[in-house]
Protein backbone atom coordinates (compact mmCIF):
# COMPACT_ATOMS: atom_id res chain seq x y z
CA MET A 1 0.21 0.25 -0.10
CA THR A 2 2.54 3.03 0.87
CA ASP A 3 4.40 1.90 -2.81
CA ILE A 4 0.85 2.67 -4.27
CA ILE A 5 0.68 6.12 -2.14
CA GLU A 6 3.91 6.97 -2.89
CA ASN A 7 3.42 6.79 -6.63
CA LYS A 8 0.27 9.39 -6.27
CA SER A 9 0.34 13.33 -6.38
CA ILE A 10 0.71 14.79 -2.90
CA ILE A 11 -3.13 15.66 -3.11
CA GLU A 12 -4.22 11.73 -4.41
CA ARG A 13 -1.84 10.80 -1.44
CA ALA A 14 -3.84 12.36 1.16
CA GLN A 15 -6.83 10.97 -0.30
CA ALA A 16 -5.53 7.31 -0.26
CA THR A 17 -4.14 7.83 3.09
CA LEU A 18 -7.61 8.64 4.28
CA ARG A 19 -8.88 5.60 2.76
CA HIS A 20 -5.94 3.50 3.46
CA ASN A 21 -6.86 4.18 6.99
CA ASP A 22 -10.87 3.87 6.87
CA ARG A 23 -11.71 1.22 8.81
CA GLY A 24 -15.47 0.74 7.90
CA GLY A 25 -17.10 4.59 8.87
CA TYR A 26 -14.03 5.58 11.00
CA THR A 27 -10.63 6.62 10.20
CA VAL A 28 -7.64 5.22 12.63
CA PRO A 29 -4.93 7.89 12.97
CA THR A 30 -2.04 5.41 11.49
CA ASP A 31 -1.84 1.45 11.35
CA ARG A 32 -0.95 0.10 14.12
CA LEU A 33 0.65 2.84 15.72
CA TYR A 34 -2.74 4.10 16.64
CA PRO A 35 -5.52 0.90 15.80
CA PHE A 36 -9.02 2.89 17.11
CA GLN A 37 -10.43 6.08 16.48
CA TRP A 38 -9.74 9.12 18.80
CA ASN A 39 -11.46 12.59 18.93
CA TRP A 40 -9.67 15.08 17.63
CA ASP A 41 -7.98 12.74 14.66
CA SER A 42 -11.40 12.18 13.65
CA ALA A 43 -12.70 15.86 14.21
CA PHE A 44 -9.55 17.06 11.45
CA VAL A 45 -10.39 13.75 9.41
CA ALA A 46 -13.51 14.84 9.15
CA MET A 47 -12.72 17.92 7.42
CA GLY A 48 -10.31 16.50 5.19
CA TRP A 49 -13.24 13.45 4.14
CA ALA A 50 -15.67 17.00 3.06
CA THR A 51 -13.11 18.13 0.48
CA PHE A 52 -13.37 14.82 -1.95
CA ASP A 53 -16.33 12.79 -0.04
CA VAL A 54 -18.72 14.58 1.61
CA PRO A 55 -21.02 11.67 3.05
CA ARG A 56 -18.12 9.68 4.34
CA ALA A 57 -17.16 12.83 6.21
CA TRP A 58 -20.76 12.31 7.89
CA ASP A 59 -19.84 8.79 8.83
CA GLU A 60 -16.53 9.63 10.97
CA ILE A 61 -18.97 12.08 12.80
CA ARG A 62 -21.51 9.51 13.16
CA LEU A 63 -18.80 6.40 14.35
CA LEU A 64 -16.84 8.94 17.02
CA LEU A 65 -20.65 9.95 18.00
CA ARG A 66 -21.50 6.13 19.36
CA GLY A 67 -18.98 6.39 21.73
CA GLN A 68 -20.64 9.62 23.49
CA TRP A 69 -21.86 9.30 27.39
CA PRO A 70 -25.46 9.87 28.17
CA ASP A 71 -23.80 12.72 30.55
CA GLY A 72 -22.76 14.13 26.95
CA LEU A 73 -18.91 13.17 27.35
CA ILE A 74 -17.30 12.10 23.98
CA PRO A 75 -14.59 10.13 24.97
CA GLN A 76 -10.91 10.49 23.64
CA ILE A 77 -10.77 7.27 22.33
CA VAL A 78 -13.88 4.50 21.11
CA PHE A 79 -12.66 1.13 20.66
CA HIS A 80 -14.54 -0.25 18.30
CA VAL A 81 -12.57 -3.85 17.57
CA PRO A 82 -10.04 -5.21 19.44
CA SER A 83 -6.49 -4.92 18.93
CA ASP A 84 -3.15 -5.69 20.77
CA ASP A 85 -1.06 -2.52 19.07
CA TYR A 86 -1.93 -0.06 21.69
CA PHE A 87 -1.70 0.34 25.63
CA PRO A 88 -4.07 1.45 27.72
CA GLY A 89 -6.72 -0.89 25.83
CA PRO A 90 -10.88 -1.20 26.85
CA ASP A 91 -8.86 -3.85 29.86
CA VAL A 92 -7.29 -1.01 31.55
CA TRP A 93 -10.34 1.88 31.23
CA GLN A 94 -12.95 -0.05 32.24
CA THR A 95 -15.34 2.28 32.01
CA ASN A 96 -18.41 -0.20 30.85
CA HIS A 97 -19.35 1.59 27.80
CA THR A 98 -20.71 -0.22 24.67
CA PRO A 99 -18.91 0.32 22.25
CA PRO A 100 -16.18 0.26 25.00
CA THR A 101 -13.97 3.72 25.29
CA SER A 102 -11.36 5.62 27.59
CA GLY A 103 -12.64 7.67 30.36
CA ILE A 104 -11.69 11.20 29.33
CA PRO A 105 -11.75 13.74 26.96
CA GLN A 106 -9.62 15.54 23.76
CA PRO A 107 -9.76 19.19 22.73
CA PRO A 108 -13.23 19.50 21.75
CA VAL A 109 -13.22 19.94 17.83
CA LEU A 110 -15.71 19.03 16.25
CA ALA A 111 -18.35 21.05 16.54
CA THR A 112 -16.38 23.38 14.32
CA ALA A 113 -15.83 20.09 12.30
CA VAL A 114 -19.93 19.43 11.87
CA ARG A 115 -20.20 23.27 11.06
CA ALA A 116 -17.75 22.73 8.16
CA VAL A 117 -19.24 19.64 6.99
CA LEU A 118 -22.53 21.01 6.81
CA ALA A 119 -21.35 23.68 4.67
CA ALA A 120 -20.14 21.66 2.14
CA SER A 121 -23.33 19.58 2.79
CA PRO A 122 -25.90 21.35 1.17
CA GLY A 123 -28.19 18.02 1.70
CA GLY A 124 -27.26 17.94 5.59
CA ALA A 125 -30.19 19.00 7.11
CA ALA A 126 -31.26 14.85 8.52
CA GLU A 127 -27.79 14.47 9.27
CA ILE A 128 -27.36 18.34 11.46
CA ALA A 129 -30.90 17.25 13.11
CA GLU A 130 -29.10 13.98 14.40
CA ILE A 131 -25.75 15.35 15.71
CA TYR A 132 -27.09 18.81 17.22
CA PRO A 133 -28.33 17.90 20.43
CA ARG A 134 -25.45 15.45 20.93
CA LEU A 135 -22.78 18.99 20.42
CA VAL A 136 -24.99 20.65 22.81
CA ALA A 137 -24.79 18.24 25.29
CA ASN A 138 -21.21 17.65 24.90
CA HIS A 139 -20.33 21.59 25.72
CA ARG A 140 -22.71 21.57 28.26
CA TRP A 141 -20.46 18.20 29.76
CA TRP A 142 -17.41 20.30 29.49
CA HIS A 143 -19.06 23.55 31.42
CA THR A 144 -20.71 21.24 33.96
CA ALA A 145 -17.52 18.40 34.97
CA ARG A 146 -14.80 20.37 34.13
CA ASP A 147 -15.47 24.19 35.18
CA PRO A 148 -18.11 23.65 38.33
CA GLU A 149 -17.55 27.08 39.81
CA GLY A 150 -18.15 28.82 36.50
CA THR A 151 -14.39 30.53 36.13
CA GLY A 152 -14.41 30.21 32.15
CA LEU A 153 -12.35 27.66 32.25
CA VAL A 154 -12.23 24.72 31.65
CA ALA A 155 -9.95 21.70 33.82
CA THR A 156 -7.80 19.09 32.07
CA LEU A 157 -7.31 16.42 34.34
CA HIS A 158 -4.80 13.91 32.46
CA PRO A 159 -2.13 15.39 29.87
CA TRP A 160 -3.80 12.72 27.34
CA GLU A 161 -6.79 15.53 27.61
CA SER A 162 -4.81 18.25 26.27
CA GLY A 163 -3.59 15.91 22.88
CA MET A 164 -0.38 17.31 23.93
CA ASP A 165 0.71 14.48 25.83
CA ASN A 166 4.12 15.42 27.34
CA SER A 167 4.62 18.76 26.66
CA PRO A 168 6.74 21.05 28.89
CA ALA A 169 3.75 22.70 30.03
CA TRP A 170 2.78 19.98 32.13
CA ASP A 171 6.16 19.06 33.68
CA THR A 172 5.80 21.21 36.91
CA ALA A 173 2.21 20.12 37.68
CA MET A 174 3.06 15.97 36.95
CA ALA A 175 5.97 16.63 39.12
CA ARG A 176 2.51 15.79 41.77
CA VAL A 177 1.44 12.56 40.21
CA PRO A 178 3.01 9.47 41.69
CA ILE A 179 4.82 7.39 39.45
CA THR A 180 3.02 4.15 41.07
CA THR A 181 0.60 2.10 39.36
CA THR A 182 -1.83 -0.76 39.88
CA THR A 183 -1.88 -1.46 36.58
CA THR A 184 0.93 -3.52 34.35
CA ILE A 185 2.30 -0.65 32.15
CA ARG A 186 2.93 -2.59 28.31
CA ARG A 187 3.88 -0.11 26.36
CA ARG A 188 3.72 -0.72 22.35
CA ASP A 189 4.11 2.80 20.70
CA THR A 190 8.06 2.44 21.34
CA SER A 191 7.79 -1.18 19.34
CA HIS A 192 6.33 1.43 16.69
CA ILE A 193 8.62 4.05 17.17
CA ASP A 194 12.02 5.10 18.16
CA PRO A 195 11.13 5.77 21.53
CA ALA A 196 13.76 9.41 21.28
CA MET A 197 10.53 10.42 19.82
CA ARG A 198 8.12 9.03 21.98
CA PRO A 199 7.06 10.21 25.89
CA LYS A 200 9.54 8.74 28.41
CA ALA A 201 9.15 6.00 30.65
CA ASP A 202 8.20 8.08 34.08
CA ASP A 203 5.75 9.95 31.86
CA TYR A 204 4.15 7.06 31.25
CA GLN A 205 3.89 5.82 35.08
CA ARG A 206 2.26 9.27 35.65
CA PHE A 207 0.12 8.75 33.08
CA ILE A 208 -1.25 5.50 33.86
CA HIS A 209 -1.24 6.15 37.85
CA LEU A 210 -4.17 9.29 36.39
CA VAL A 211 -5.94 6.34 34.60
CA ASP A 212 -5.82 4.51 37.52
CA LEU A 213 -6.71 6.98 39.92
CA PHE A 214 -10.32 7.78 38.18
CA ARG A 215 -11.19 4.18 37.39
CA GLY A 216 -11.29 3.78 40.84
CA THR A 217 -13.59 6.35 41.15
CA ALA A 218 -15.76 4.35 38.46
CA TRP A 219 -15.22 7.51 36.13
CA ASN A 220 -17.66 10.41 38.22
CA PRO A 221 -17.15 13.90 36.49
CA ALA A 222 -16.75 15.15 40.05
CA ALA A 223 -14.83 12.92 41.87
CA MET A 224 -12.29 12.94 39.47
CA TYR A 225 -11.99 16.78 39.61
CA ALA A 226 -11.94 16.58 43.58
CA ALA A 227 -9.27 13.93 43.12
CA SER A 228 -6.81 14.28 40.52
CA PRO A 229 -3.20 16.13 41.48
CA PHE A 230 -3.23 17.53 37.76
CA ARG A 231 -6.07 19.99 37.48
CA MET A 232 -5.03 22.50 34.59
CA ALA A 233 -6.27 25.41 32.55
CA ASP A 234 -4.90 24.39 29.30
CA ILE A 235 -4.90 26.87 27.25
CA GLY A 236 -5.13 24.62 24.08
CA THR A 237 -8.15 23.23 25.32
CA ASN A 238 -10.01 26.53 26.24
CA ALA A 239 -9.67 28.26 23.12
CA ILE A 240 -10.41 25.42 20.76
CA LEU A 241 -13.36 24.71 23.01
CA LEU A 242 -14.16 28.57 22.25
CA ARG A 243 -13.96 28.58 19.02
CA ALA A 244 -16.15 25.45 18.96
CA GLU A 245 -18.53 27.34 21.25
CA GLN A 246 -19.23 30.45 18.46
CA ASP A 247 -19.49 27.28 15.97
CA LEU A 248 -22.17 25.43 18.16
CA LEU A 249 -24.04 29.25 18.48
CA ALA A 250 -23.51 29.35 14.79
CA LEU A 251 -25.59 26.30 14.57
CA SER A 252 -28.50 27.19 16.89
CA THR A 253 -29.54 29.95 14.77
CA SER A 254 -30.95 27.58 12.42
CA HIS A 255 -30.75 24.15 14.31
CA GLY A 256 -31.57 25.27 17.51
CA THR A 257 -33.78 27.49 20.18
CA ARG A 258 -33.56 31.05 21.00
CA ALA A 259 -32.39 29.90 24.75
CA GLU A 260 -29.99 27.29 23.65
CA ALA A 261 -28.26 30.35 21.64
CA ALA A 262 -28.29 32.42 25.08
CA GLU A 263 -26.77 29.91 26.97
CA ILE A 264 -23.84 29.02 24.38
CA ALA A 265 -23.41 33.12 23.80
CA GLU A 266 -23.18 33.78 27.47
CA ARG A 267 -20.67 31.10 28.22
CA ILE A 268 -18.34 32.64 25.31
CA GLN A 269 -18.54 35.97 26.70
CA CYS A 270 -17.24 34.56 30.18
CA MET A 271 -14.86 32.11 28.44
CA LYS A 272 -13.45 35.19 26.65
CA THR A 273 -12.87 37.26 29.94
CA ALA A 274 -11.23 34.16 31.32
CA GLN A 275 -9.04 33.55 29.31
CA ALA A 276 -7.58 37.11 28.77
CA GLU A 277 -5.80 36.26 32.33
CA LEU A 278 -3.83 33.87 30.28
CA TRP A 279 -1.85 36.22 28.66
CA ASP A 280 1.84 36.47 29.30
CA PRO A 281 3.62 39.59 28.56
CA LYS A 282 6.94 38.38 29.48
CA ARG A 283 6.89 36.10 27.16
CA GLY A 284 4.67 37.45 24.52
CA ILE A 285 1.90 34.34 24.35
CA TYR A 286 -0.86 32.99 26.58
CA VAL A 287 0.33 30.50 28.56
CA SER A 288 -1.90 27.30 31.12
CA ARG A 289 -2.62 27.99 34.57
CA ASP A 290 -1.60 25.03 37.04
CA LEU A 291 -5.45 25.42 38.92
CA ILE A 292 -4.02 23.82 42.12
CA ALA A 293 -1.30 25.73 42.44
CA ASN A 294 -3.06 28.81 41.02
CA ALA A 295 -0.19 29.77 39.17
CA ASN A 296 0.74 30.29 35.35
CA VAL A 297 3.31 27.73 34.00
CA ASP A 298 6.37 29.24 32.82
CA VAL A 299 7.01 27.83 29.59
CA ALA A 300 5.50 29.12 25.97
CA THR A 301 4.04 26.44 23.77
CA SER A 302 2.28 26.40 20.60
CA ALA A 303 -1.26 26.03 21.95
CA GLY A 304 -0.32 29.26 23.34
CA PHE A 305 -0.94 30.89 19.74
CA LEU A 306 -4.89 29.07 19.77
CA PRO A 307 -6.39 32.22 21.09
CA LEU A 308 -6.86 33.76 18.01
CA TYR A 309 -8.08 30.76 16.62
CA ALA A 310 -10.70 31.46 19.00
CA GLY A 311 -11.27 34.84 17.98
CA ILE A 312 -9.43 36.64 20.57
CA ASP A 313 -7.65 39.49 18.30
CA THR A 314 -6.20 41.65 21.56
CA HIS A 315 -2.56 40.77 20.89
CA ALA A 316 -2.73 39.82 17.56
CA ALA A 317 0.54 42.00 16.69
CA ASP A 318 2.18 40.48 19.91
CA LEU A 319 1.90 37.05 19.07
CA ALA A 320 2.86 37.63 15.27
CA ALA A 321 6.42 39.22 16.97
CA THR A 322 6.70 35.84 19.43
CA LEU A 323 6.61 34.14 16.08
CA ASP A 324 9.07 36.06 14.33
CA ARG A 325 11.25 35.09 17.42
CA TRP A 326 10.53 31.58 17.21
CA HIS A 327 11.12 32.03 13.44
CA SER A 328 14.44 33.46 14.05
CA ARG A 329 15.89 30.36 16.17
CA VAL A 330 14.35 27.32 13.87
CA PRO A 331 13.55 27.00 9.88
CA TRP A 332 10.51 25.23 9.89
CA LEU A 333 6.89 26.57 11.97
CA VAL A 334 5.73 26.43 14.03
CA PRO A 335 7.78 24.35 17.17
CA SER A 336 4.96 22.91 19.82
CA THR A 337 7.72 24.92 22.07
CA ASP A 338 9.60 27.79 22.27
CA PRO A 339 13.01 26.90 20.73
CA THR A 340 14.91 29.30 23.41
CA ASP A 341 13.44 27.46 26.46
CA ARG A 342 15.80 24.89 27.65
CA ARG A 343 13.08 22.20 28.02
CA PHE A 344 12.43 22.37 24.05
CA GLU A 345 13.28 18.78 22.19
CA PRO A 346 13.14 18.97 18.87
CA MET A 347 12.28 15.34 18.12
CA ARG A 348 10.16 14.37 21.53
CA TYR A 349 6.38 14.07 20.84
CA TRP A 350 5.04 17.42 22.03
CA ARG A 351 8.52 18.96 23.17
CA GLY A 352 9.05 20.67 20.21
CA PRO A 353 8.48 19.11 17.11
CA VAL A 354 6.32 20.98 14.68
CA TRP A 355 2.38 19.80 14.04
CA ALA A 356 0.16 20.02 10.84
CA VAL A 357 -2.80 20.20 12.87
CA VAL A 358 -1.69 22.95 15.02
CA ASN A 359 -0.38 25.10 12.13
CA TRP A 360 -3.70 24.85 10.51
CA MET A 361 -5.66 26.03 13.19
CA ILE A 362 -2.65 28.65 14.11
CA ALA A 363 -2.94 30.25 10.71
CA GLU A 364 -6.49 30.63 10.45
CA GLY A 365 -6.37 32.66 13.41
CA PHE A 366 -3.72 34.75 12.34
CA SER A 367 -5.59 35.06 8.93
CA LYS A 368 -8.56 35.86 10.91
CA MET A 369 -7.23 38.20 13.53
CA GLY A 370 -5.56 40.88 10.68
CA GLN A 371 -2.00 39.14 10.60
CA PRO A 372 -2.51 37.18 6.95
CA GLY A 373 0.79 37.37 6.45
CA LYS A 374 2.12 35.24 9.12
CA ALA A 375 -0.97 32.92 8.38
CA THR A 376 0.58 32.35 4.37
CA THR A 377 3.99 31.69 6.43
CA ILE A 378 2.44 29.29 8.34
CA ILE A 379 0.64 27.34 5.61
CA GLU A 380 3.75 27.66 3.32
CA ALA A 381 5.66 25.65 4.98
CA THR A 382 3.04 23.38 6.22
CA ARG A 383 2.67 22.89 2.72
CA THR A 384 6.26 22.39 2.30
CA LEU A 385 6.93 19.91 4.73
CA ILE A 386 4.44 17.71 3.68
CA ASP A 387 5.37 17.39 0.50
CA GLN A 388 8.67 17.06 0.53
CA THR A 389 8.63 14.63 3.58
CA GLY A 390 5.64 13.21 3.68
CA LEU A 391 2.69 12.28 5.47
CA SER A 392 3.88 12.00 8.94
CA GLU A 393 2.67 12.28 12.11
CA TYR A 394 5.02 16.06 12.76
CA PHE A 395 7.88 17.57 12.16
CA ASP A 396 11.11 18.69 13.28
CA PRO A 397 11.52 21.85 13.16
CA THR A 398 15.26 22.08 13.02
CA THR A 399 15.83 20.02 10.12
CA GLY A 400 12.20 19.35 8.47
CA ALA A 401 12.45 16.13 9.06
CA GLY A 402 9.17 13.38 9.30
CA LEU A 403 8.90 11.69 12.80
CA GLY A 404 6.78 9.70 14.36
CA GLY A 405 4.01 7.73 12.63
CA GLU A 406 4.07 7.57 8.64
CA THR A 407 0.96 8.04 6.28
CA PHE A 408 -0.71 10.21 9.04
CA SER A 409 -4.65 10.13 8.74
CA TRP A 410 -4.77 14.32 10.36
CA THR A 411 -1.75 14.98 8.51
CA ALA A 412 -3.46 14.13 5.46
CA ALA A 413 -6.44 15.66 6.35
CA ILE A 414 -4.96 18.98 7.15
CA ARG A 415 -3.15 18.93 3.32
CA LEU A 416 -6.45 18.56 1.55
CA LEU A 417 -7.74 21.78 4.14
CA ILE A 418 -4.50 23.99 2.80
CA GLU A 419 -5.15 23.46 -0.60
CA PRO A 420 -7.61 26.10 -2.19
CA GLN A 421 -9.30 24.52 -4.80
CA LEU A 422 -10.34 21.45 -2.66
CA LEU A 423 -12.23 23.45 -0.30
CA SER A 424 -15.86 24.31 -0.22
CA PRO A 425 -16.84 27.92 1.42
CA GLY A 426 -17.54 26.55 4.61
CA ILE A 427 -14.14 25.03 4.97
CA ARG A 428 -11.04 26.84 5.60
């Protein structure tokens, strides 16, 4: 299959990659390394499918929503079929859901994806009638389960929920998490990928300690919130949710009620006010906050650009200057950690590498917030990385080398999304 993909144009390769990773209505991120359906991967992948196969895009969303819980949670992973290629599997999570799922969320991109797919699908009325109430329930879950005090900032209780698992932004808070586990760790990722590109052993011990802890609460949201030694206001998750709320509000005007629209609008205003407090003037970027220590973190990551994607333009010029500073240190944008930071590691997962999906969100933010030149710079860098290196999971910002998994679905989706002639008016 790899040879077949390699003999096509980049757009044909991107489309072929999605088809190759299709498992009958849902898309795995890549062979073996990630053999299930991941939440935010599938949201981006649905937008990629919509550039050439809209019915298949709706399938992606419907299959993800099979994993939604009665309380509104859309889990990080849906285990549609068994596989021994990934740890931890459903035997570790023990969530008692059908189909089996993990017990934690991921950044809520789905409402944004649904709005984009709907715009590419003039006949999507039936789909949106089924899906819109599920989105409403999911957004309510975020605010009740993860912001019970109504601060306007939702909490992340596990690094995996952020999608940026081993980011240096979590280092100080994760040091509070014990490395003891009741579950035997059987990592599969380092048998598929060079360990130098993956989280370290201590990271995994802390990751699994949290899973053990939450499993012991029977996945009760209030108990998880109270028990977790890791409780962060992740700027990435909060910005992505704020953007998704705006997309949900747009959907509510034709598919919801006035009461729902008012509820969403009130949340949006509260979130905008709260996220303003996460601006770090010293670093020229937004940062996450440790909710247990009640202190902002001391490291800048690519997630700090995402309030632009959420429509917050207050510091657009400052963020453009920060991007320029980072670019002066590395030739490839956007590194996932400030390249001047001592914790920057250009090859290790979320501690330095470039991720096409984050680039796409940052570029969209710059474009809409009055910095189109910066958006173009990021998009051109992303296009060149993919076209020259391939559909890798992530890229080394110092060399441009592809890293992690190969023929990666959301990288393929982003390559389709940055090809203007493929896009409907609703997919940008």
